[in-house]
C-alpha cells in the first residue's frame, strides 16, 4: 500500500468516527449508517472494503432496511473504493448522482500560529457552540436536537471554536482530533463577515490548535462547486486527497425523515 493510499484510507475512517451515526450495520464490506435522517453522511451506505456477495442482492437488502426506517436509500461512494460496477448499477436503477465532494488535506508540521489581531479565537462549551451554530446557519429547531445527538456520539477530543471580535461572533467551527489527524467540520462565517478573512483565520487557528496537540495532517470535506470555500481552504494549504459523491434512490411512495 502506497503512502498516499494509506493516508486516504486513514482519513476516510477518521472522518466516519468524527461524524458518527446513531446506529450502524456492517454488511460484506459495506457500512450502513442511520441517524434519524440528519445529513446524508450519517444516513448512507458506504462501501469500505472488497465484497463477495452479488451487488443486486445487497442493494435490495439495503433498500428494504432503509424503507423500514422510513429513510431514502443513499449510497456514499468514494474514489478510493472499487465502486464502478456499483455506481453503474445504481445509475441504471435511477439513483441520482448528487453532491460531488472533495476531501482536502494539509500538512500541519512546522505551521506557524496566526498573527495576533483584535479578533479572538476561543473554545466554548458544546451547548453554547450548538446554539451559536444554529443561529449563524439558521438551522431549524427540529434539526438542532439531531445535530446535538451526532456531536454527543463523537468519542475523540473536540474543539468547539469561535472567532470573536469583542462580544460579536464572526465565525465558528468544529475540530475533531484523532491521533495524528485533525478533522474540520461545520465551518461557518457570519453572513456579514464573509470575504473578510474571518473564516480563514478561524481555520488557521483550529489547525494551530491541532498541531499543538500532535496532529500532523488536517482534513476537511467541501462540496466541489463551493468555490468560495475552496478558495478559503487553498489559502491555508489544503489540496485534494480524494473525492466522494452520493447516489440517492428515486422518490418512494412512503414518507421519509431525511433532512
Foldseek 3Di string as FASTA:
>chain_A
DDPLLVVVLVVVVVVCLQQDAPDWDDDQQKIAAHQLQEDDSRGAIERGDDGDDDLVVVVVVQCVVCVVSQAWYKHKYWPSDPCPVVVVVLVVQPWDWDQKKFKKKFFLPPQDADDDDLKDKDFDDPVVLLVVLCVQVVPDPVCSVSVVVRNVSRPFDKGFIFIDNVPRTFWTWMWGDDAQEIEIDSTGGRPVCPPVCPSLNNVSNSSVVRVVVRHGMYIYMDRPPPVSVVVSVVVVGMDTSIIIIMTTHPDDPGHHSHD
